[in-house]
Structures are given as C-alpha cells and as structure tokens.
Protein backbone atom coordinates (compact mmCIF):
# COMPACT_ATOMS: atom_id res chain seq x y z
CA MET A 1 111.89 -26.45 -17.64
CA THR A 2 114.30 -23.60 -18.39
CA GLN A 3 115.87 -21.19 -15.54
CA SER A 4 113.88 -18.46 -15.90
CA SER A 5 110.43 -20.41 -15.58
CA GLU A 6 111.86 -21.79 -12.29
CA GLY A 7 112.33 -18.36 -10.87
CA GLU A 8 108.80 -17.17 -12.11
CA ARG A 9 107.57 -20.15 -9.99
CA SER A 10 109.36 -19.30 -7.07
CA ASN A 11 108.46 -15.81 -7.00
CA LEU A 12 104.52 -15.64 -6.01
CA SER A 13 104.77 -12.04 -4.76
CA HIS A 14 101.46 -11.35 -7.39
CA ILE A 15 99.17 -13.94 -5.85
CA ALA A 16 97.24 -12.48 -3.03
CA THR A 17 96.07 -14.89 -0.28
CA MET A 18 93.01 -14.79 1.85
CA ARG A 19 91.40 -16.33 4.37
CA PHE A 20 87.96 -18.17 3.59
CA SER A 21 86.47 -16.56 6.44
CA ASP A 22 87.69 -13.22 4.77
CA PHE A 23 86.24 -14.11 1.66
CA GLU A 24 82.93 -15.33 2.88
CA ASN A 25 82.84 -11.75 5.00
CA HIS A 26 83.61 -9.88 1.74
CA MET A 27 80.58 -11.87 -0.10
CA ALA A 28 78.33 -11.25 2.77
CA GLU A 29 79.09 -7.48 2.51
CA VAL A 30 78.19 -7.49 -1.21
CA HIS A 31 75.31 -9.92 -1.40
CA GLY A 32 73.97 -9.06 2.08
CA PRO A 33 71.71 -11.45 4.20
CA ARG A 34 70.81 -13.92 1.55
CA PHE A 35 74.17 -15.04 1.25
CA VAL A 36 74.53 -15.64 4.67
CA GLU A 37 71.47 -17.60 5.24
CA TYR A 38 72.80 -19.38 2.46
CA ARG A 39 76.43 -20.34 3.89
CA GLN A 40 74.79 -21.36 7.52
CA ASP A 41 72.52 -23.41 5.84
CA PHE A 42 75.38 -24.94 3.61
CA HIS A 43 77.36 -25.68 6.82
CA LYS A 44 74.54 -27.35 8.61
CA SER A 45 73.98 -29.56 5.37
CA LEU A 46 77.47 -30.88 5.70
CA ASN A 47 76.61 -32.29 9.14
CA TYR A 48 73.32 -33.63 7.97
CA ASP A 49 73.69 -37.32 9.70
CA LYS A 50 74.68 -35.46 12.93
CA ASN A 51 72.29 -32.50 13.07
CA GLY A 52 69.54 -33.72 10.48
CA PHE A 53 69.35 -30.73 8.53
CA LEU A 54 67.54 -31.05 5.28
CA PRO A 55 66.75 -27.86 3.28
CA GLU A 56 63.73 -27.58 1.18
CA PHE A 57 65.70 -27.56 -1.91
CA PRO A 58 69.24 -28.46 -3.01
CA ILE A 59 71.78 -25.86 -1.80
CA THR A 60 74.63 -26.68 -4.51
CA LEU A 61 75.10 -28.02 -7.67
CA GLN A 62 77.83 -30.40 -9.18
CA MET A 63 78.02 -31.21 -12.57
CA GLU A 64 80.76 -33.14 -13.99
CA LEU A 65 81.21 -31.68 -17.58
CA ILE A 66 83.22 -34.48 -19.21
CA ASN A 67 83.92 -38.15 -17.65
CA ARG A 68 86.68 -39.51 -20.02
CA CYS A 69 89.58 -39.71 -17.53
CA ASN A 70 91.32 -43.09 -17.50
CA LEU A 71 93.38 -42.58 -14.44
CA SER A 72 92.34 -45.28 -11.09
CA CYS A 73 92.51 -42.59 -8.24
CA VAL A 74 91.71 -44.32 -5.09
CA MET A 75 89.86 -41.16 -4.24
CA CYS A 76 87.74 -41.03 -6.99
CA TYR A 77 83.97 -40.97 -6.17
CA THR A 78 83.09 -41.93 -9.84
CA THR A 79 84.45 -45.65 -9.67
CA ASN A 80 86.93 -44.77 -12.10
CA HIS A 81 84.32 -44.08 -14.73
CA LYS A 82 82.67 -47.28 -15.38
CA THR A 83 79.85 -45.74 -17.33
CA PRO A 84 79.93 -44.91 -21.05
CA LYS A 85 82.21 -41.95 -21.54
CA TYR A 86 80.58 -38.97 -22.27
CA THR A 87 81.16 -35.36 -22.84
CA LEU A 88 78.19 -32.42 -21.92
CA ASP A 89 78.01 -30.80 -25.35
CA ILE A 90 77.68 -26.81 -25.73
CA VAL A 91 73.79 -26.67 -26.03
CA THR A 92 73.15 -28.69 -23.08
CA GLY A 93 75.31 -27.31 -20.79
CA PRO A 94 73.93 -23.94 -20.66
CA HIS A 95 70.10 -25.54 -20.24
CA TRP A 96 71.16 -27.35 -17.12
CA VAL A 97 72.74 -23.91 -15.39
CA VAL A 98 69.05 -22.35 -16.63
CA GLN A 99 67.33 -25.10 -14.60
CA ALA A 100 69.22 -24.96 -11.66
CA GLU A 101 68.55 -21.13 -11.45
CA CYS A 102 64.99 -22.03 -11.10
C-alpha cells in the first residue's frame, strides 16, 4: 500500500454515519405504515422462541448466489459448503426475485 492510499483510508470524512433507528424512521416516512408493520413483524419474528410469533408468510428472503467458498470459517452456517458447488445463473436469479415478490 502506498502512502497516499493510506492517507485516503484514514480520511473518512466523506462517509456519513446514521444510527439504524434513524434509518428505520426515514424509511417509515418514505414508505408509510406498511413498512412500520413489516419492521414490527420482523423484530417479533426474531424472538419466535420467546413469543411464538409466526407470520402468515415469510418476512425475509436470503439467497446465496454463489457457494464456491473453500474457507472453513467456524461461524459459517453452511457447514463449509459440503454440497456440490453451484452458481445461480443470470436467468434463474431474476425468476426467484419475481417469485418472492408474489
């Protein structure tokens, strides 16, 4: 790393910081009551084991686009990808997004 790039990395004045609660408030202003209800349900679903809240439909969708990692990170929930390696192709990806929106 050159000295000029080190200086660029130490000057972070161009990065704005925002508390997550401020972000949620901003999103609530932009998207209205539907967003507020979604976030309330999301937070309730995180504590399912304590409050038994189970939404009528999935609140979030997590897609793993590539499972080609060969690391053995202890925190990895995919048991280090022991399944066959696969990459979600450019045609299938958008199809899943459309299905998730329904």
